[in-house]
C-alpha atoms as a PDB file:
ATOM      1  CA  MET A   1     109.667-135.413 -85.435  1.00  0.00           C
ATOM      2  CA  LYS A   2     110.435-139.116 -85.095  1.00  0.00           C
ATOM      3  CA  TYR A   3     110.670-141.188 -88.283  1.00  0.00           C
ATOM      4  CA  SER A   4     109.780-144.852 -88.654  1.00  0.00           C
ATOM      5  CA  PHE A   5     111.610-147.132 -91.116  1.00  0.00           C
ATOM      6  CA  ALA A   6     111.334-150.718 -92.356  1.00  0.00           C
ATOM      7  CA  VAL A   7     114.311-152.420 -94.003  1.00  0.00           C
ATOM      8  CA  VAL A   8     113.434-155.468 -96.098  1.00  0.00           C
ATOM      9  CA  ASP A   9     116.196-157.625 -97.606  1.00  0.00           C
ATOM     10  CA  ASP A  10     116.894-161.375 -97.577  1.00  0.00           C
ATOM     11  CA  GLU A  11     120.622-160.731 -97.112  1.00  0.00           C
ATOM     12  CA  LYS A  12     121.469-160.002 -93.491  1.00  0.00           C
ATOM     13  CA  GLU A  13     124.629-158.080 -94.352  1.00  0.00           C
ATOM     14  CA  GLN A  14     122.515-155.690 -96.415  1.00  0.00           C
ATOM     15  CA  THR A  15     119.946-155.059 -93.677  1.00  0.00           C
ATOM     16  CA  ASP A  16     122.823-154.553 -91.229  1.00  0.00           C
ATOM     17  CA  ALA A  17     124.472-152.080 -93.615  1.00  0.00           C
ATOM     18  CA  VAL A  18     121.306-149.994 -94.052  1.00  0.00           C
ATOM     19  CA  CYS A  19     120.644-150.007 -90.309  1.00  0.00           C
ATOM     20  CA  GLU A  20     124.178-148.780 -89.638  1.00  0.00           C
ATOM     21  CA  MET A  21     123.757-145.990 -92.176  1.00  0.00           C
ATOM     22  CA  LEU A  22     120.476-144.928 -90.578  1.00  0.00           C
ATOM     23  CA  LYS A  23     122.203-144.897 -87.203  1.00  0.00           C
ATOM     24  CA  ARG A  24     125.052-142.755 -88.551  1.00  0.00           C
ATOM     25  CA  TYR A  25     122.706-140.380 -90.419  1.00  0.00           C
ATOM     26  CA  PHE A  26     120.502-139.661 -87.404  1.00  0.00           C
ATOM     27  CA  LYS A  27     123.505-139.311 -85.138  1.00  0.00           C
ATOM     28  CA  GLU A  28     124.867-136.637 -87.484  1.00  0.00           C
ATOM     29  CA  THR A  29     121.521-134.881 -87.887  1.00  0.00           C
ATOM     30  CA  LYS A  30     120.522-135.356 -84.224  1.00  0.00           C
ATOM     31  CA  GLY A  31     117.152-136.763 -85.263  1.00  0.00           C
ATOM     32  CA  GLU A  32     114.982-139.520 -83.819  1.00  0.00           C
ATOM     33  CA  TYR A  33     114.001-142.716 -85.578  1.00  0.00           C
ATOM     34  CA  SER A  34     112.960-146.331 -85.171  1.00  0.00           C
ATOM     35  CA  VAL A  35     113.670-149.202 -87.545  1.00  0.00           C
ATOM     36  CA  SER A  36     112.186-152.666 -88.067  1.00  0.00           C
ATOM     37  CA  VAL A  37     114.012-155.340 -90.068  1.00  0.00           C
ATOM     38  CA  PHE A  38     112.383-157.989 -92.263  1.00  0.00           C
ATOM     39  CA  HIS A  39     114.222-160.695 -94.182  1.00  0.00           C
ATOM     40  CA  ASP A  40     111.558-161.303 -96.800  1.00  0.00           C
ATOM     41  CA  GLY A  41     108.605-159.554 -98.388  1.00  0.00           C
ATOM     42  CA  ALA A  42     106.226-162.153 -96.968  1.00  0.00           C
ATOM     43  CA  GLU A  43     107.455-161.369 -93.443  1.00  0.00           C
ATOM     44  CA  LEU A  44     106.663-157.680 -93.937  1.00  0.00           C
ATOM     45  CA  LEU A  45     103.233-158.397 -95.426  1.00  0.00           C
ATOM     46  CA  THR A  46     102.091-160.632 -92.572  1.00  0.00           C
ATOM     47  CA  ASP A  47      99.567-158.527 -90.630  1.00  0.00           C
ATOM     48  CA  TYR A  48     100.883-155.437 -92.458  1.00  0.00           C
ATOM     49  CA  LYS A  49      99.861-152.108 -90.955  1.00  0.00           C
ATOM     50  CA  PRO A  50     100.722-148.645 -92.378  1.00  0.00           C
ATOM     51  CA  LEU A  51     103.154-147.772 -89.596  1.00  0.00           C
ATOM     52  CA  TYR A  52     106.251-146.805 -91.589  1.00  0.00           C
ATOM     53  CA  ASP A  53     107.259-143.467 -93.052  1.00  0.00           C
ATOM     54  CA  VAL A  54     109.795-145.179 -95.336  1.00  0.00           C
ATOM     55  CA  ILE A  55     110.293-148.758 -96.486  1.00  0.00           C
ATOM     56  CA  PHE A  56     113.697-149.677 -97.919  1.00  0.00           C
ATOM     57  CA  LEU A  57     112.784-152.656-100.085  1.00  0.00           C
ATOM     58  CA  ASP A  58     115.136-155.057-101.863  1.00  0.00           C
ATOM     59  CA  ILE A  59     113.836-155.960-105.317  1.00  0.00           C
ATOM     60  CA  GLU A  60     115.507-159.376-105.673  1.00  0.00           C
ATOM     61  CA  MET A  61     114.182-161.677-102.940  1.00  0.00           C
ATOM     62  CA  GLU A  62     113.449-165.380-103.258  1.00  0.00           C
ATOM     63  CA  GLN A  63     109.958-165.815-101.781  1.00  0.00           C
ATOM     64  CA  ILE A  64     108.157-162.597-102.743  1.00  0.00           C
ATOM     65  CA  ASN A  65     110.236-160.079-104.683  1.00  0.00           C
ATOM     66  CA  GLY A  66     110.248-156.400-103.887  1.00  0.00           C
ATOM     67  CA  MET A  67     108.004-155.308-106.745  1.00  0.00           C
ATOM     68  CA  LYS A  68     105.257-157.787-105.819  1.00  0.00           C
ATOM     69  CA  THR A  69     105.629-156.797-102.174  1.00  0.00           C
ATOM     70  CA  ALA A  70     105.246-153.120-103.069  1.00  0.00           C
ATOM     71  CA  LYS A  71     102.093-153.809-105.111  1.00  0.00           C
ATOM     72  CA  ARG A  72     100.551-155.605-102.127  1.00  0.00           C
ATOM     73  CA  ILE A  73     101.494-152.722 -99.827  1.00  0.00           C
ATOM     74  CA  ARG A  74      99.896-150.156-102.130  1.00  0.00           C
ATOM     75  CA  LYS A  75      96.523-151.898-101.874  1.00  0.00           C
ATOM     76  CA  THR A  76      96.189-150.698 -98.278  1.00  0.00           C
ATOM     77  CA  ASP A  77      98.871-148.030 -97.869  1.00  0.00           C
ATOM     78  CA  GLU A  78      99.276-145.189-100.357  1.00  0.00           C
ATOM     79  CA  ARG A  79     101.205-142.916 -97.995  1.00  0.00           C
ATOM     80  CA  THR A  80     104.428-144.687 -97.055  1.00  0.00           C
ATOM     81  CA  ALA A  81     107.509-143.848 -99.137  1.00  0.00           C
ATOM     82  CA  ILE A  82     108.940-146.890-100.919  1.00  0.00           C
ATOM     83  CA  VAL A  83     112.650-146.828-101.781  1.00  0.00           C
ATOM     84  CA  PHE A  84     113.925-149.810-103.748  1.00  0.00           C
ATOM     85  CA  ILE A  85     117.374-151.256-103.108  1.00  0.00           C
ATOM     86  CA  THR A  86     118.832-153.205-106.023  1.00  0.00           C
ATOM     87  CA  ARG A  87     122.072-154.339-107.636  1.00  0.00           C
ATOM     88  CA  LEU A  88     120.750-153.386-111.080  1.00  0.00           C
ATOM     89  CA  ALA A  89     119.205-149.943-111.570  1.00  0.00           C
ATOM     90  CA  ARG A  90     117.132-151.206-114.524  1.00  0.00           C
ATOM     91  CA  LEU A  91     115.129-153.410-112.163  1.00  0.00           C
ATOM     92  CA  ALA A  92     113.755-150.289-110.481  1.00  0.00           C
ATOM     93  CA  ILE A  93     112.295-148.892-113.721  1.00  0.00           C
ATOM     94  CA  GLY A  94     108.857-150.305-112.906  1.00  0.00           C
ATOM     95  CA  GLY A  95     108.801-148.351-109.661  1.00  0.00           C
ATOM     96  CA  TYR A  96     106.337-145.838-111.100  1.00  0.00           C
ATOM     97  CA  GLU A  97     103.656-148.551-110.950  1.00  0.00           C
ATOM     98  CA  VAL A  98     103.812-148.474-107.158  1.00  0.00           C
ATOM     99  CA  SER A  99     104.677-144.774-106.821  1.00  0.00           C
ATOM    100  CA  ALA A 100     108.178-145.575-105.564  1.00  0.00           C
ATOM    101  CA  LEU A 101     109.952-142.466-104.326  1.00  0.00           C
ATOM    102  CA  ASP A 102     113.481-143.483-105.313  1.00  0.00           C
ATOM    103  CA  PHE A 103     115.971-146.346-105.578  1.00  0.00           C
ATOM    104  CA  ILE A 104     119.442-147.024-104.191  1.00  0.00           C
ATOM    105  CA  VAL A 105     122.001-149.206-105.975  1.00  0.00           C
ATOM    106  CA  LYS A 106     123.945-151.870-104.052  1.00  0.00           C
ATOM    107  CA  PRO A 107     126.516-151.878-102.618  1.00  0.00           C
ATOM    108  CA  VAL A 108     125.125-148.911-100.717  1.00  0.00           C
ATOM    109  CA  GLU A 109     127.686-146.178-100.063  1.00  0.00           C
ATOM    110  CA  TYR A 110     127.088-143.762 -97.186  1.00  0.00           C
ATOM    111  CA  ASP A 111     127.616-140.548 -99.163  1.00  0.00           C
ATOM    112  CA  ALA A 112     124.984-141.580-101.708  1.00  0.00           C
ATOM    113  CA  PHE A 113     122.691-142.799 -98.921  1.00  0.00           C
ATOM    114  CA  SER A 114     122.994-139.517 -97.014  1.00  0.00           C
ATOM    115  CA  TYR A 115     122.199-137.510-100.155  1.00  0.00           C
ATOM    116  CA  LYS A 116     119.115-139.630-100.853  1.00  0.00           C
ATOM    117  CA  MET A 117     117.944-139.346 -97.242  1.00  0.00           C
ATOM    118  CA  LYS A 118     117.632-135.566 -97.496  1.00  0.00           C
ATOM    119  CA  LYS A 119     115.218-135.981-100.409  1.00  0.00           C
ATOM    120  CA  ILE A 120     113.367-138.855 -98.747  1.00  0.00           C
ATOM    121  CA  LEU A 121     112.793-137.053 -95.450  1.00  0.00           C
ATOM    122  CA  SER A 122     111.785-133.849 -97.230  1.00  0.00           C
ATOM    123  CA  HIS A 123     109.084-135.884 -98.972  1.00  0.00           C
ATOM    124  CA  VAL A 124     107.993-137.518 -95.706  1.00  0.00           C
ATOM    125  CA  ASP A 125     107.782-134.172 -93.901  1.00  0.00           C
ATOM    126  CA  LYS A 126     105.502-132.783 -96.595  1.00  0.00           C
ATOM    127  CA  SER A 127     103.309-135.854 -96.935  1.00  0.00           C
ATOM    128  CA  LYS A 128     102.556-136.481 -93.268  1.00  0.00           C
ATOM    129  CA  ALA A 129      98.953-135.589 -92.618  1.00  0.00           C
ATOM    130  CA  VAL A 130      98.347-133.088 -89.837  1.00  0.00           C
ATOM    131  CA  PHE A 131      94.853-132.828 -88.371  1.00  0.00           C
ATOM    132  CA  PHE A 132      93.495-130.199 -86.038  1.00  0.00           C
ATOM    133  CA  SER A 133      90.092-129.310 -84.674  1.00  0.00           C
ATOM    134  CA  ILE A 134      87.799-126.431 -85.676  1.00  0.00           C
ATOM    135  CA  LYS A 135      85.082-125.461 -83.193  1.00  0.00           C
ATOM    136  CA  GLN A 136      81.874-124.130 -84.711  1.00  0.00           C
ATOM    137  CA  ASP A 137      78.964-123.452 -82.356  1.00  0.00           C
ATOM    138  CA  ASP A 138      78.024-126.868 -80.936  1.00  0.00           C
ATOM    139  CA  ARG A 139      80.155-128.996 -83.292  1.00  0.00           C
ATOM    140  CA  ILE A 140      83.815-129.812 -83.840  1.00  0.00           C
ATOM    141  CA  ASP A 141      85.305-130.555 -87.272  1.00  0.00           C
ATOM    142  CA  PHE A 142      88.696-132.180 -87.813  1.00  0.00           C
ATOM    143  CA  LEU A 143      90.612-130.750 -90.757  1.00  0.00           C
ATOM    144  CA  ASN A 144      93.529-132.257 -92.642  1.00  0.00           C
ATOM    145  CA  GLU A 145      95.891-129.336 -93.261  1.00  0.00           C
ATOM    146  CA  ASP A 146      96.568-130.645 -96.772  1.00  0.00           C
ATOM    147  CA  ASP A 147      92.919-129.907 -97.640  1.00  0.00           C
ATOM    148  CA  ILE A 148      93.289-126.222 -96.688  1.00  0.00           C
ATOM    149  CA  THR A 149      93.795-123.913 -99.682  1.00  0.00           C
ATOM    150  CA  TYR A 150      94.113-120.692 -97.685  1.00  0.00           C
ATOM    151  CA  ILE A 151      93.121-119.204 -94.333  1.00  0.00           C
ATOM    152  CA  GLU A 152      91.485-115.804 -94.000  1.00  0.00           C
ATOM    153  CA  VAL A 153      90.765-113.552 -91.047  1.00  0.00           C
ATOM    154  CA  ILE A 154      87.449-111.660 -91.050  1.00  0.00           C
ATOM    155  CA  ASP A 155      86.843-109.406 -88.046  1.00  0.00           C
ATOM    156  CA  HIS A 156      87.504-111.734 -85.088  1.00  0.00           C
ATOM    157  CA  SER A 157      86.909-114.966 -87.010  1.00  0.00           C
ATOM    158  CA  VAL A 158      89.264-117.250 -88.908  1.00  0.00           C
ATOM    159  CA  VAL A 159      87.893-118.856 -92.076  1.00  0.00           C
ATOM    160  CA  TYR A 160      89.554-122.036 -93.316  1.00  0.00           C
ATOM    161  CA  HIS A 161      88.946-122.367 -97.058  1.00  0.00           C
ATOM    162  CA  THR A 162      89.346-126.037 -97.997  1.00  0.00           C
ATOM    163  CA  VAL A 163      88.722-128.336-100.950  1.00  0.00           C
ATOM    164  CA  LYS A 164      85.712-129.643 -99.012  1.00  0.00           C
ATOM    165  CA  GLY A 165      84.171-126.298 -98.087  1.00  0.00           C
ATOM    166  CA  ASP A 166      84.685-123.412 -95.664  1.00  0.00           C
ATOM    167  CA  TYR A 167      84.985-123.621 -91.878  1.00  0.00           C
ATOM    168  CA  ARG A 168      84.831-120.662 -89.495  1.00  0.00           C
ATOM    169  CA  GLU A 169      85.824-120.253 -85.859  1.00  0.00           C
ATOM    170  CA  TRP A 170      86.665-117.433 -83.456  1.00  0.00           C
ATOM    171  CA  GLY A 171      90.392-116.759 -83.312  1.00  0.00           C
ATOM    172  CA  THR A 172      93.413-115.127 -84.933  1.00  0.00           C
ATOM    173  CA  LEU A 173      95.685-115.985 -87.832  1.00  0.00           C
ATOM    174  CA  LYS A 174      98.594-116.248 -85.386  1.00  0.00           C
ATOM    175  CA  ASN A 175      96.821-119.020 -83.480  1.00  0.00           C
ATOM    176  CA  ALA A 176      95.979-120.787 -86.739  1.00  0.00           C
ATOM    177  CA  GLU A 177      99.588-120.471 -87.924  1.00  0.00           C
ATOM    178  CA  ARG A 178     100.905-122.246 -84.825  1.00  0.00           C
ATOM    179  CA  GLN A 179      99.074-125.416 -85.851  1.00  0.00           C
ATOM    180  CA  LEU A 180     100.444-125.526 -89.404  1.00  0.00           C
ATOM    181  CA  THR A 181     103.491-127.400 -90.675  1.00  0.00           C
ATOM    182  CA  GLU A 182     106.422-125.055 -91.194  1.00  0.00           C
ATOM    183  CA  GLY A 183     107.400-124.530 -94.835  1.00  0.00           C
ATOM    184  CA  LYS A 184     104.040-125.501 -96.336  1.00  0.00           C
ATOM    185  CA  PHE A 185     102.190-122.220 -95.735  1.00  0.00           C
ATOM    186  CA  ALA A 186     103.052-118.527 -96.099  1.00  0.00           C
ATOM    187  CA  TYR A 187     101.438-115.104 -95.610  1.00  0.00           C
ATOM    188  CA  CYS A 188     100.657-113.252 -98.845  1.00  0.00           C
ATOM    189  CA  ASN A 189      99.347-110.342 -96.777  1.00  0.00           C
ATOM    190  CA  ARG A 190      98.336-109.845 -93.159  1.00  0.00           C
ATOM    191  CA  CYS A 191      94.820-111.209 -93.837  1.00  0.00           C
ATOM    192  CA  TYR A 192      95.706-114.463 -95.619  1.00  0.00           C
ATOM    193  CA  ILE A 193      97.856-117.544 -95.039  1.00  0.00           C
ATOM    194  CA  VAL A 194      98.254-119.578 -98.248  1.00  0.00           C
ATOM    195  CA  ASN A 195      98.854-123.303 -98.689  1.00  0.00           C
ATOM    196  CA  LEU A 196     101.743-123.184-101.178  1.00  0.00           C
ATOM    197  CA  ARG A 197     100.791-126.442-102.885  1.00  0.00           C
ATOM    198  CA  TYR A 198      97.625-124.785-104.239  1.00  0.00           C
ATOM    199  CA  VAL A 199      99.381-121.788-105.815  1.00  0.00           C
ATOM    200  CA  THR A 200      99.024-121.906-109.607  1.00  0.00           C
ATOM    201  CA  LYS A 201     100.207-118.442-110.606  1.00  0.00           C
ATOM    202  CA  ILE A 202     101.664-115.155-109.407  1.00  0.00           C
ATOM    203  CA  GLU A 203     100.850-112.206-111.611  1.00  0.00           C
ATOM    204  CA  GLY A 204     101.580-108.637-110.622  1.00  0.00           C
ATOM    205  CA  ASP A 205     100.286-108.102-107.100  1.00  0.00           C
ATOM    206  CA  SER A 206      98.045-111.192-107.108  1.00  0.00           C
ATOM    207  CA  VAL A 207      98.522-114.872-106.370  1.00  0.00           C
ATOM    208  CA  VAL A 208      96.037-117.447-107.658  1.00  0.00           C
ATOM    209  CA  VAL A 209      95.250-120.087-105.029  1.00  0.00           C
ATOM    210  CA  ASN A 210      93.063-122.959-106.181  1.00  0.00           C
ATOM    211  CA  GLY A 211      91.444-120.601-108.704  1.00  0.00           C
ATOM    212  CA  VAL A 212      90.965-117.717-106.249  1.00  0.00           C
ATOM    213  CA  PRO A 213      93.014-114.499-106.766  1.00  0.00           C
ATOM    214  CA  LEU A 214      94.423-112.992-103.561  1.00  0.00           C
ATOM    215  CA  ILE A 215      96.352-109.763-103.107  1.00  0.00           C
ATOM    216  CA  ILE A 216     100.055-109.983-102.249  1.00  0.00           C
ATOM    217  CA  SER A 217     101.076-107.015-100.158  1.00  0.00           C
ATOM    218  CA  ARG A 218     104.202-105.069-101.049  1.00  0.00           C
ATOM    219  CA  TYR A 219     105.719-105.964 -97.667  1.00  0.00           C
ATOM    220  CA  LYS A 220     105.085-109.698 -98.000  1.00  0.00           C
ATOM    221  CA  LYS A 221     105.868-110.227-101.695  1.00  0.00           C
ATOM    222  CA  LYS A 222     109.597-110.990-101.321  1.00  0.00           C
ATOM    223  CA  ASP A 223     109.160-113.420 -98.409  1.00  0.00           C
ATOM    224  CA  PHE A 224     106.135-115.066-100.031  1.00  0.00           C
ATOM    225  CA  THR A 225     107.919-115.572-103.360  1.00  0.00           C
ATOM    226  CA  GLU A 226     110.990-117.031-101.623  1.00  0.00           C
ATOM    227  CA  ALA A 227     108.807-119.403 -99.577  1.00  0.00           C
ATOM    228  CA  LEU A 228     107.013-120.539-102.735  1.00  0.00           C
ATOM    229  CA  LEU A 229     110.242-121.147-104.678  1.00  0.00           C
ATOM    230  CA  SER A 230     111.732-123.014-101.720  1.00  0.00           C
ATOM    231  CA  PHE A 231     108.639-125.211-101.385  1.00  0.00           C
ATOM    232  CA  TRP A 232     108.530-126.255-105.035  1.00  0.00           C
ATOM    233  CA  GLY A 233     112.305-126.448-105.307  1.00  0.00           C
ATOM    234  CA  GLU A 234     112.512-128.972-102.467  1.00  0.00           C
ATOM    235  CA  ARG A 235     109.684-131.011-103.979  1.00  0.00           C
ATOM    236  CA  THR A 236     111.534-131.421-107.292  1.00  0.00           C
ATOM    237  CA  VAL A 237     115.016-132.247-105.980  1.00  0.00           C
END
Protein backbone atom coordinates (compact mmCIF):
# COMPACT_ATOMS: atom_id res chain seq x y z
CA MET A 1 0.00 0.00 0.00
CA LYS A 2 1.28 3.46 -0.90
CA TYR A 3 0.48 6.33 1.48
CA SER A 4 -0.04 9.96 0.54
CA PHE A 5 0.93 12.81 2.89
CA ALA A 6 0.62 16.60 2.97
CA VAL A 7 2.89 18.67 5.22
CA VAL A 8 1.63 22.18 5.95
CA ASP A 9 3.81 24.65 7.87
CA ASP A 10 4.90 28.24 7.21
CA GLU A 11 8.40 27.47 8.50
CA LYS A 12 10.52 25.77 5.85
CA GLU A 13 12.83 24.13 8.38
CA GLN A 14 9.80 22.42 9.91
CA THR A 15 8.46 21.08 6.61
CA ASP A 16 11.99 19.90 5.77
CA ALA A 17 12.26 18.16 9.15
CA VAL A 18 8.95 16.30 8.75
CA CYS A 19 9.83 15.29 5.19
CA GLU A 20 13.16 13.90 6.36
CA MET A 21 11.45 11.92 9.10
CA LEU A 22 8.96 10.48 6.61
CA LYS A 23 11.86 9.51 4.37
CA ARG A 24 13.67 7.80 7.26
CA TYR A 25 10.51 6.05 8.51
CA PHE A 26 9.60 4.55 5.14
CA LYS A 27 13.19 3.56 4.48
CA GLU A 28 13.19 1.63 7.76
CA THR A 29 9.77 0.07 7.16
CA LYS A 30 10.36 -0.47 3.42
CA GLY A 31 7.05 1.20 2.60
CA GLU A 32 5.97 3.47 -0.24
CA TYR A 33 4.77 7.03 0.11
CA SER A 34 4.41 10.40 -1.57
CA VAL A 35 4.46 13.81 0.09
CA SER A 36 3.32 17.29 -0.92
CA VAL A 37 4.51 20.40 0.93
CA PHE A 38 2.48 23.56 1.53
CA HIS A 39 3.72 26.68 3.30
CA ASP A 40 0.34 28.00 4.35
CA GLY A 41 -3.19 26.78 4.96
CA ALA A 42 -4.49 28.90 2.09
CA GLU A 43 -2.07 27.17 -0.30
CA LEU A 44 -3.43 23.77 0.72
CA LEU A 45 -7.05 24.89 0.43
CA THR A 46 -6.70 26.27 -3.09
CA ASP A 47 -8.49 23.73 -5.32
CA TYR A 48 -8.38 21.25 -2.41
CA LYS A 49 -9.12 17.64 -3.32
CA PRO A 50 -9.31 14.70 -0.87
CA LEU A 51 -6.10 13.07 -2.09
CA TYR A 52 -4.18 12.67 1.17
CA ASP A 53 -4.23 9.85 3.70
CA VAL A 54 -2.62 12.11 6.32
CA ILE A 55 -2.19 15.86 6.65
CA PHE A 56 0.46 17.11 9.08
CA LEU A 57 -0.87 20.58 9.87
CA ASP A 58 0.86 23.36 11.81
CA ILE A 59 -1.58 25.18 14.08
CA GLU A 60 0.21 28.55 14.23
CA MET A 61 0.35 30.03 10.72
CA GLU A 62 0.00 33.68 9.78
CA GLN A 63 -2.54 33.72 6.94
CA ILE A 64 -4.95 30.90 7.84
CA ASN A 65 -4.12 29.00 11.02
CA GLY A 66 -4.24 25.24 11.24
CA MET A 67 -7.54 24.99 13.09
CA LYS A 68 -9.38 27.14 10.53
CA THR A 69 -7.72 25.19 7.73
CA ALA A 70 -8.86 21.90 9.27
CA LYS A 71 -12.46 23.15 9.59
CA ARG A 72 -12.47 24.06 5.89
CA ILE A 73 -11.05 20.65 4.98
CA ARG A 74 -13.72 18.83 6.97
CA LYS A 75 -16.49 20.46 4.93
CA THR A 76 -15.52 18.32 1.93
CA ASP A 77 -13.23 15.62 3.34
CA GLU A 78 -14.18 13.57 6.39
CA ARG A 79 -11.77 10.72 5.68
CA THR A 80 -8.25 12.15 5.74
CA ALA A 81 -6.36 11.89 9.04
CA ILE A 82 -5.40 15.29 10.44
CA VAL A 83 -2.36 15.44 12.74
CA PHE A 84 -1.62 18.84 14.26
CA ILE A 85 1.95 20.03 14.76
CA THR A 86 2.36 22.69 17.43
CA ARG A 87 4.81 24.20 19.90
CA LEU A 88 2.14 24.24 22.61
CA ALA A 89 0.12 21.07 23.26
CA ARG A 90 -2.78 23.12 24.68
CA LEU A 91 -3.41 24.60 21.24
CA ALA A 92 -4.37 21.15 19.97
CA ILE A 93 -7.15 20.71 22.56
CA GLY A 94 -9.79 21.87 20.08
CA GLY A 95 -8.79 19.10 17.69
CA TYR A 96 -11.91 17.09 18.56
CA GLU A 97 -13.97 19.68 16.66
CA VAL A 98 -12.34 18.56 13.41
CA SER A 99 -11.86 14.91 14.39
CA ALA A 100 -8.08 15.31 14.53
CA LEU A 101 -6.35 11.97 14.94
CA ASP A 102 -3.40 13.19 17.01
CA PHE A 103 -0.89 16.00 17.56
CA ILE A 104 2.90 16.24 17.61
CA VAL A 105 4.79 18.81 19.69
CA LYS A 106 7.64 20.83 18.14
CA PRO A 107 10.55 20.42 17.94
CA VAL A 108 9.67 17.06 16.43
CA GLU A 109 11.94 14.23 17.59
CA TYR A 110 12.24 11.13 15.42
CA ASP A 111 11.56 8.57 18.16
CA ALA A 112 8.28 10.28 19.06
CA PHE A 113 7.43 10.71 15.37
CA SER A 114 8.07 7.03 14.63
CA TYR A 115 5.87 5.96 17.55
CA LYS A 116 3.03 8.22 16.37
CA MET A 117 3.36 6.96 12.79
CA LYS A 118 2.52 3.40 13.82
CA LYS A 119 -0.78 4.62 15.28
CA ILE A 120 -1.46 6.94 12.35
CA LEU A 121 -0.90 4.30 9.67
CA SER A 122 -2.91 1.72 11.60
CA HIS A 123 -5.81 4.17 11.52
CA VAL A 124 -5.32 4.86 7.80
CA ASP A 125 -5.20 1.14 6.96
CA LYS A 126 -8.51 0.56 8.72
CA SER A 127 -10.27 3.63 7.36
CA LYS A 128 -9.44 3.23 3.68
CA ALA A 129 -12.57 2.22 1.84
CA VAL A 130 -12.33 -0.94 -0.23
CA PHE A 131 -14.97 -1.57 -2.89
CA PHE A 132 -15.60 -4.73 -4.84
CA SER A 133 -18.27 -5.93 -7.22
CA ILE A 134 -21.10 -8.41 -6.58
CA LYS A 135 -22.71 -10.00 -9.63
CA GLN A 136 -26.39 -10.84 -9.29
CA ASP A 137 -28.19 -12.12 -12.39
CA ASP A 138 -28.08 -9.22 -14.87
CA ARG A 139 -26.81 -6.54 -12.45
CA ILE A 140 -23.60 -5.63 -10.66
CA ASP A 141 -23.50 -3.99 -7.22
CA PHE A 142 -20.43 -2.30 -5.75
CA LEU A 143 -20.02 -2.88 -2.03
CA ASN A 144 -17.92 -0.94 0.45
CA GLU A 145 -16.36 -3.59 2.69
CA ASP A 146 -16.98 -1.38 5.73
CA ASP A 147 -20.73 -1.82 5.17
CA ILE A 148 -20.46 -5.63 5.40
CA THR A 149 -21.45 -7.03 8.80
CA TYR A 150 -20.76 -10.68 7.98
CA ILE A 151 -20.52 -13.02 5.00
CA GLU A 152 -22.29 -16.37 4.87
CA VAL A 153 -22.05 -19.34 2.54
CA ILE A 154 -25.30 -21.13 1.64
CA ASP A 155 -24.94 -24.12 -0.68
CA HIS A 156 -22.89 -22.70 -3.58
CA SER A 157 -23.80 -19.06 -2.94
CA VAL A 158 -22.13 -16.36 -0.87
CA VAL A 159 -24.44 -13.94 0.95
CA TYR A 160 -23.03 -10.55 1.93
CA HIS A 161 -25.02 -9.20 4.88
CA THR A 162 -24.59 -5.42 4.97
CA VAL A 163 -26.05 -2.39 6.73
CA LYS A 164 -27.87 -1.64 3.47
CA GLY A 165 -29.31 -5.10 2.85
CA ASP A 166 -28.23 -8.55 1.65
CA TYR A 167 -26.44 -9.39 -1.60
CA ARG A 168 -25.99 -12.89 -3.02
CA GLU A 169 -23.71 -14.28 -5.70
CA TRP A 170 -22.33 -17.66 -6.77
CA GLY A 171 -18.96 -18.38 -5.19
CA THR A 172 -17.04 -19.52 -2.12
CA LEU A 173 -16.01 -17.92 1.15
CA LYS A 174 -12.36 -18.36 0.13
CA ASN A 175 -12.89 -16.20 -2.95
CA ALA A 176 -14.73 -13.60 -0.88
CA GLU A 177 -11.95 -13.61 1.72
CA ARG A 178 -9.32 -12.76 -0.89
CA GLN A 179 -11.01 -9.42 -1.53
CA LEU A 180 -11.15 -8.35 2.13
CA THR A 181 -8.65 -6.22 4.03
CA GLU A 182 -6.47 -8.36 6.28
CA GLY A 183 -7.07 -7.87 10.00
CA LYS A 184 -10.61 -6.50 9.69
CA PHE A 185 -12.45 -9.80 9.22
CA ALA A 186 -12.25 -13.26 10.80
CA TYR A 187 -13.94 -16.67 10.55
CA CYS A 188 -16.15 -17.56 13.53
CA ASN A 189 -16.87 -20.92 11.89
CA ARG A 190 -16.43 -22.38 8.43
CA CYS A 191 -19.73 -20.86 7.24
CA TYR A 192 -19.24 -17.25 8.36
CA ILE A 193 -16.68 -14.46 7.98
CA VAL A 194 -17.34 -11.62 10.45
CA ASN A 195 -16.53 -7.93 10.16
CA LEU A 196 -14.89 -7.38 13.57
CA ARG A 197 -16.04 -3.77 13.87
CA TYR A 198 -19.66 -4.97 14.16
CA VAL A 199 -19.04 -7.43 17.01
CA THR A 200 -20.84 -6.27 20.15
CA LYS A 201 -20.57 -9.34 22.38
CA ILE A 202 -19.16 -12.84 22.74
CA GLU A 203 -21.13 -15.06 25.06
CA GLY A 204 -20.50 -18.77 25.38
CA ASP A 205 -20.35 -20.25 21.89
CA SER A 206 -22.03 -17.26 20.21
CA VAL A 207 -20.86 -13.92 18.85
CA VAL A 208 -23.33 -11.07 18.32
CA VAL A 209 -22.69 -9.25 15.03
CA ASN A 210 -24.80 -6.16 14.43
CA GLY A 211 -27.55 -7.72 16.56
CA VAL A 212 -27.36 -11.16 14.93
CA PRO A 213 -26.08 -14.13 17.02
CA LEU A 214 -23.72 -16.47 15.16
CA ILE A 215 -22.17 -19.71 16.36
CA ILE A 216 -18.43 -19.77 17.07
CA SER A 217 -17.03 -23.20 16.39
CA ARG A 218 -14.76 -24.85 18.94
CA TYR A 219 -11.94 -24.93 16.38
CA LYS A 220 -12.20 -21.24 15.49
CA LYS A 221 -12.88 -19.73 18.92
CA LYS A 222 -9.25 -19.12 19.94
CA ASP A 223 -8.21 -17.58 16.61
CA PHE A 224 -11.41 -15.53 16.38
CA THR A 225 -11.03 -14.15 19.91
CA GLU A 226 -7.37 -13.24 19.29
CA ALA A 227 -8.27 -11.51 16.01
CA LEU A 228 -11.02 -9.53 17.76
CA LEU A 229 -8.77 -8.44 20.64
CA SER A 230 -6.02 -7.47 18.20
CA PHE A 231 -8.44 -5.42 16.09
CA TRP A 232 -9.86 -3.42 18.99
CA GLY A 233 -6.50 -3.19 20.73
CA GLU A 234 -4.89 -1.54 17.70
CA ARG A 235 -7.82 0.86 17.36
CA THR A 236 -7.39 2.15 20.93
CA VAL A 237 -3.60 2.56 21.01
